[in-house]
Amino acid sequence: MEKKIKVTLKKRPATERLRIILLGLGLKKTNSSRVLPDNPSIRGMVDKVSHIVCVKEA
């Protein structure tokens, strides 16, 4: 079975670049969550916005 992670947005992005990355993850509003596959492309995006999201194993 494929590993999954749950990503939750905790703060609003400060820049346009961070907002675009969050839209790529499917996060639009504060406290919104998505369950995403745990692969290198998703992990890379999560690393860029790690200061405003919370990540848990799903």
PDB file of N, CA and C in Angstrom:
ATOM      1  N   MET A   1       0.838  -1.189   0.000  1.00  0.00           N
ATOM      2  CA  MET A   1       0.000   0.000   0.000  1.00  0.00           C
ATOM      3  C   MET A   1       0.880   1.249   0.000  1.00  0.00           C
ATOM      4  N   GLU A   2       0.452   2.232  -0.746  1.00  0.00           N
ATOM      5  CA  GLU A   2       1.203   3.474  -0.891  1.00  0.00           C
ATOM      6  C   GLU A   2       1.127   4.308   0.384  1.00  0.00           C
ATOM      7  N   LYS A   3       2.268   4.889   0.779  1.00  0.00           N
ATOM      8  CA  LYS A   3       2.301   5.746   1.959  1.00  0.00           C
ATOM      9  C   LYS A   3       1.605   7.070   1.646  1.00  0.00           C
ATOM     10  N   LYS A   4       0.965   7.633   2.663  1.00  0.00           N
ATOM     11  CA  LYS A   4       0.262   8.907   2.516  1.00  0.00           C
ATOM     12  C   LYS A   4       0.656   9.834   3.663  1.00  0.00           C
ATOM     13  N   ILE A   5       0.570  11.138   3.393  1.00  0.00           N
ATOM     14  CA  ILE A   5       0.794  12.140   4.424  1.00  0.00           C
ATOM     15  C   ILE A   5      -0.399  13.094   4.448  1.00  0.00           C
ATOM     16  N   LYS A   6      -0.701  13.613   5.633  1.00  0.00           N
ATOM     17  CA  LYS A   6      -1.764  14.600   5.787  1.00  0.00           C
ATOM     18  C   LYS A   6      -1.109  15.952   6.011  1.00  0.00           C
ATOM     19  N   VAL A   7      -1.409  16.897   5.139  1.00  0.00           N
ATOM     20  CA  VAL A   7      -0.820  18.234   5.199  1.00  0.00           C
ATOM     21  C   VAL A   7      -1.924  19.225   5.569  1.00  0.00           C
ATOM     22  N   THR A   8      -1.677  20.046   6.606  1.00  0.00           N
ATOM     23  CA  THR A   8      -2.648  21.032   7.077  1.00  0.00           C
ATOM     24  C   THR A   8      -2.017  22.416   7.051  1.00  0.00           C
ATOM     25  N   LEU A   9      -2.710  23.374   6.476  1.00  0.00           N
ATOM     26  CA  LEU A   9      -2.225  24.756   6.408  1.00  0.00           C
ATOM     27  C   LEU A   9      -2.506  25.452   7.736  1.00  0.00           C
ATOM     28  N   LYS A  10      -1.468  25.997   8.381  1.00  0.00           N
ATOM     29  CA  LYS A  10      -1.612  26.649   9.682  1.00  0.00           C
ATOM     30  C   LYS A  10      -1.591  28.173   9.613  1.00  0.00           C
ATOM     31  N   LYS A  11      -0.901  28.747   8.646  1.00  0.00           N
ATOM     32  CA  LYS A  11      -0.821  30.203   8.504  1.00  0.00           C
ATOM     33  C   LYS A  11      -1.008  30.577   7.040  1.00  0.00           C
ATOM     34  N   ARG A  12      -1.322  31.831   6.806  1.00  0.00           N
ATOM     35  CA  ARG A  12      -1.439  32.321   5.442  1.00  0.00           C
ATOM     36  C   ARG A  12      -0.053  32.570   4.860  1.00  0.00           C
ATOM     37  N   PRO A  13       0.131  32.335   3.561  1.00  0.00           N
ATOM     38  CA  PRO A  13       1.438  32.576   2.944  1.00  0.00           C
ATOM     39  C   PRO A  13       1.735  34.069   2.850  1.00  0.00           C
ATOM     40  N   ALA A  14       3.019  34.404   3.002  1.00  0.00           N
ATOM     41  CA  ALA A  14       3.437  35.802   2.981  1.00  0.00           C
ATOM     42  C   ALA A  14       3.736  36.281   1.559  1.00  0.00           C
ATOM     43  N   THR A  15       4.093  35.366   0.668  1.00  0.00           N
ATOM     44  CA  THR A  15       4.473  35.767  -0.693  1.00  0.00           C
ATOM     45  C   THR A  15       3.658  35.012  -1.733  1.00  0.00           C
ATOM     46  N   GLU A  16       3.676  35.535  -2.940  1.00  0.00           N
ATOM     47  CA  GLU A  16       2.974  34.918  -4.061  1.00  0.00           C
ATOM     48  C   GLU A  16       3.555  33.536  -4.378  1.00  0.00           C
ATOM     49  N   ARG A  17       4.845  33.392  -4.256  1.00  0.00           N
ATOM     50  CA  ARG A  17       5.501  32.111  -4.539  1.00  0.00           C
ATOM     51  C   ARG A  17       4.996  31.008  -3.599  1.00  0.00           C
ATOM     52  N   LEU A  18       4.878  31.326  -2.312  1.00  0.00           N
ATOM     53  CA  LEU A  18       4.368  30.351  -1.350  1.00  0.00           C
ATOM     54  C   LEU A  18       2.906  30.024  -1.620  1.00  0.00           C
ATOM     55  N   ARG A  19       2.128  31.008  -2.025  1.00  0.00           N
ATOM     56  CA  ARG A  19       0.721  30.787  -2.331  1.00  0.00           C
ATOM     57  C   ARG A  19       0.563  29.817  -3.505  1.00  0.00           C
ATOM     58  N   ILE A  20       1.399  29.955  -4.513  1.00  0.00           N
ATOM     59  CA  ILE A  20       1.350  29.076  -5.677  1.00  0.00           C
ATOM     60  C   ILE A  20       1.714  27.644  -5.289  1.00  0.00           C
ATOM     61  N   ILE A  21       2.717  27.484  -4.431  1.00  0.00           N
ATOM     62  CA  ILE A  21       3.108  26.151  -3.960  1.00  0.00           C
ATOM     63  C   ILE A  21       1.955  25.516  -3.184  1.00  0.00           C
ATOM     64  N   LEU A  22       1.291  26.301  -2.324  1.00  0.00           N
ATOM     65  CA  LEU A  22       0.165  25.779  -1.552  1.00  0.00           C
ATOM     66  C   LEU A  22      -1.003  25.389  -2.449  1.00  0.00           C
ATOM     67  N   LEU A  23      -1.248  26.151  -3.494  1.00  0.00           N
ATOM     68  CA  LEU A  23      -2.298  25.783  -4.435  1.00  0.00           C
ATOM     69  C   LEU A  23      -1.965  24.470  -5.133  1.00  0.00           C
ATOM     70  N   GLY A  24      -0.685  24.251  -5.405  1.00  0.00           N
ATOM     71  CA  GLY A  24      -0.246  22.984  -5.985  1.00  0.00           C
ATOM     72  C   GLY A  24      -0.493  21.807  -5.061  1.00  0.00           C
ATOM     73  N   LEU A  25      -0.435  22.056  -3.768  1.00  0.00           N
ATOM     74  CA  LEU A  25      -0.729  21.023  -2.776  1.00  0.00           C
ATOM     75  C   LEU A  25      -2.233  20.897  -2.517  1.00  0.00           C
ATOM     76  N   GLY A  26      -3.023  21.839  -3.027  1.00  0.00           N
ATOM     77  CA  GLY A  26      -4.468  21.798  -2.835  1.00  0.00           C
ATOM     78  C   GLY A  26      -4.942  22.468  -1.570  1.00  0.00           C
ATOM     79  N   LEU A  27      -4.119  23.344  -0.999  1.00  0.00           N
ATOM     80  CA  LEU A  27      -4.470  24.039   0.241  1.00  0.00           C
ATOM     81  C   LEU A  27      -4.814  25.489  -0.074  1.00  0.00           C
ATOM     82  N   LYS A  28      -6.038  25.895   0.234  1.00  0.00           N
ATOM     83  CA  LYS A  28      -6.472  27.249  -0.089  1.00  0.00           C
ATOM     84  C   LYS A  28      -6.736  28.102   1.143  1.00  0.00           C
ATOM     85  N   LYS A  29      -7.334  27.518   2.173  1.00  0.00           N
ATOM     86  CA  LYS A  29      -7.715  28.281   3.353  1.00  0.00           C
ATOM     87  C   LYS A  29      -6.969  27.777   4.584  1.00  0.00           C
ATOM     88  N   THR A  30      -6.855  28.632   5.585  1.00  0.00           N
ATOM     89  CA  THR A  30      -6.239  28.248   6.846  1.00  0.00           C
ATOM     90  C   THR A  30      -7.013  27.082   7.453  1.00  0.00           C
ATOM     91  N   ASN A  31      -6.288  26.129   8.019  1.00  0.00           N
ATOM     92  CA  ASN A  31      -6.821  24.905   8.629  1.00  0.00           C
ATOM     93  C   ASN A  31      -7.395  23.912   7.624  1.00  0.00           C
ATOM     94  N   SER A  32      -7.193  24.133   6.326  1.00  0.00           N
ATOM     95  CA  SER A  32      -7.609  23.126   5.355  1.00  0.00           C
ATOM     96  C   SER A  32      -6.566  22.011   5.327  1.00  0.00           C
ATOM     97  N   SER A  33      -7.016  20.794   5.050  1.00  0.00           N
ATOM     98  CA  SER A  33      -6.133  19.630   5.057  1.00  0.00           C
ATOM     99  C   SER A  33      -6.314  18.821   3.782  1.00  0.00           C
ATOM    100  N   ARG A  34      -5.248  18.135   3.400  1.00  0.00           N
ATOM    101  CA  ARG A  34      -5.289  17.215   2.262  1.00  0.00           C
ATOM    102  C   ARG A  34      -4.467  15.994   2.604  1.00  0.00           C
ATOM    103  N   VAL A  35      -4.924  14.837   2.162  1.00  0.00           N
ATOM    104  CA  VAL A  35      -4.149  13.607   2.271  1.00  0.00           C
ATOM    105  C   VAL A  35      -3.528  13.375   0.903  1.00  0.00           C
ATOM    106  N   LEU A  36      -2.196  13.360   0.862  1.00  0.00           N
ATOM    107  CA  LEU A  36      -1.460  13.292  -0.392  1.00  0.00           C
ATOM    108  C   LEU A  36      -0.508  12.102  -0.388  1.00  0.00           C
ATOM    109  N   PRO A  37      -0.132  11.596  -1.573  1.00  0.00           N
ATOM    110  CA  PRO A  37       0.854  10.517  -1.615  1.00  0.00           C
ATOM    111  C   PRO A  37       2.214  11.013  -1.154  1.00  0.00           C
ATOM    112  N   ASP A  38       2.952  10.140  -0.502  1.00  0.00           N
ATOM    113  CA  ASP A  38       4.281  10.498   0.001  1.00  0.00           C
ATOM    114  C   ASP A  38       5.314  10.160  -1.066  1.00  0.00           C
ATOM    115  N   ASN A  39       5.570  11.128  -1.944  1.00  0.00           N
ATOM    116  CA  ASN A  39       6.572  10.933  -2.993  1.00  0.00           C
ATOM    117  C   ASN A  39       7.507  12.143  -3.026  1.00  0.00           C
ATOM    118  N   PRO A  40       8.614  12.050  -3.734  1.00  0.00           N
ATOM    119  CA  PRO A  40       9.607  13.145  -3.713  1.00  0.00           C
ATOM    120  C   PRO A  40       9.077  14.497  -4.176  1.00  0.00           C
ATOM    121  N   SER A  41       8.177  14.530  -5.141  1.00  0.00           N
ATOM    122  CA  SER A  41       7.682  15.820  -5.619  1.00  0.00           C
ATOM    123  C   SER A  41       6.822  16.515  -4.564  1.00  0.00           C
ATOM    124  N   ILE A  42       5.974  15.758  -3.888  1.00  0.00           N
ATOM    125  CA  ILE A  42       5.143  16.327  -2.814  1.00  0.00           C
ATOM    126  C   ILE A  42       6.019  16.734  -1.637  1.00  0.00           C
ATOM    127  N   ARG A  43       6.986  15.888  -1.278  1.00  0.00           N
ATOM    128  CA  ARG A  43       7.904  16.216  -0.171  1.00  0.00           C
ATOM    129  C   ARG A  43       8.683  17.490  -0.465  1.00  0.00           C
ATOM    130  N   GLY A  44       9.080  17.710  -1.704  1.00  0.00           N
ATOM    131  CA  GLY A  44       9.797  18.921  -2.068  1.00  0.00           C
ATOM    132  C   GLY A  44       8.954  20.167  -1.867  1.00  0.00           C
ATOM    133  N   MET A  45       7.683  20.091  -2.265  1.00  0.00           N
ATOM    134  CA  MET A  45       6.789  21.235  -2.078  1.00  0.00           C
ATOM    135  C   MET A  45       6.531  21.479  -0.589  1.00  0.00           C
ATOM    136  N   VAL A  46       6.362  20.403   0.179  1.00  0.00           N
ATOM    137  CA  VAL A  46       6.128  20.537   1.621  1.00  0.00           C
ATOM    138  C   VAL A  46       7.352  21.151   2.302  1.00  0.00           C
ATOM    139  N   ASP A  47       8.554  20.784   1.872  1.00  0.00           N
ATOM    140  CA  ASP A  47       9.769  21.360   2.456  1.00  0.00           C
ATOM    141  C   ASP A  47       9.843  22.868   2.230  1.00  0.00           C
ATOM    142  N   LYS A  48       9.366  23.352   1.086  1.00  0.00           N
ATOM    143  CA  LYS A  48       9.392  24.792   0.796  1.00  0.00           C
ATOM    144  C   LYS A  48       8.460  25.586   1.703  1.00  0.00           C
ATOM    145  N   VAL A  49       7.365  24.966   2.144  1.00  0.00           N
ATOM    146  CA  VAL A  49       6.384  25.678   2.961  1.00  0.00           C
ATOM    147  C   VAL A  49       6.276  25.078   4.366  1.00  0.00           C
ATOM    148  N   SER A  50       7.328  24.432   4.813  1.00  0.00           N
ATOM    149  CA  SER A  50       7.300  23.707   6.102  1.00  0.00           C
ATOM    150  C   SER A  50       7.031  24.618   7.296  1.00  0.00           C
ATOM    151  N   HIS A  51       7.314  25.918   7.177  1.00  0.00           N
ATOM    152  CA  HIS A  51       7.102  26.833   8.297  1.00  0.00           C
ATOM    153  C   HIS A  51       5.643  27.243   8.460  1.00  0.00           C
ATOM    154  N   ILE A  52       4.771  26.928   7.499  1.00  0.00           N
ATOM    155  CA  ILE A  52       3.374  27.298   7.628  1.00  0.00           C
ATOM    156  C   ILE A  52       2.418  26.110   7.492  1.00  0.00           C
ATOM    157  N   VAL A  53       2.954  24.892   7.402  1.00  0.00           N
ATOM    158  CA  VAL A  53       2.105  23.702   7.340  1.00  0.00           C
ATOM    159  C   VAL A  53       2.487  22.711   8.431  1.00  0.00           C
ATOM    160  N   CYS A  54       1.559  21.827   8.732  1.00  0.00           N
ATOM    161  CA  CYS A  54       1.790  20.742   9.688  1.00  0.00           C
ATOM    162  C   CYS A  54       1.630  19.434   8.907  1.00  0.00           C
ATOM    163  N   VAL A  55       2.600  18.515   9.056  1.00  0.00           N
ATOM    164  CA  VAL A  55       2.596  17.263   8.304  1.00  0.00           C
ATOM    165  C   VAL A  55       2.523  16.098   9.262  1.00  0.00           C
ATOM    166  N   LYS A  56       1.618  15.149   8.969  1.00  0.00           N
ATOM    167  CA  LYS A  56       1.479  13.934   9.770  1.00  0.00           C
ATOM    168  C   LYS A  56       1.373  12.730   8.840  1.00  0.00           C
ATOM    169  N   GLU A  57       1.789  11.573   9.327  1.00  0.00           N
ATOM    170  CA  GLU A  57       1.609  10.337   8.578  1.00  0.00           C
ATOM    171  C   GLU A  57       0.121   9.996   8.581  1.00  0.00           C
ATOM    172  N   ALA A  58      -0.395   9.556   7.444  1.00  0.00           N
ATOM    173  CA  ALA A  58      -1.816   9.205   7.375  1.00  0.00           C
ATOM    174  C   ALA A  58      -1.983   7.716   7.159  1.00  0.00           C
TER     175      ALA A  58
END
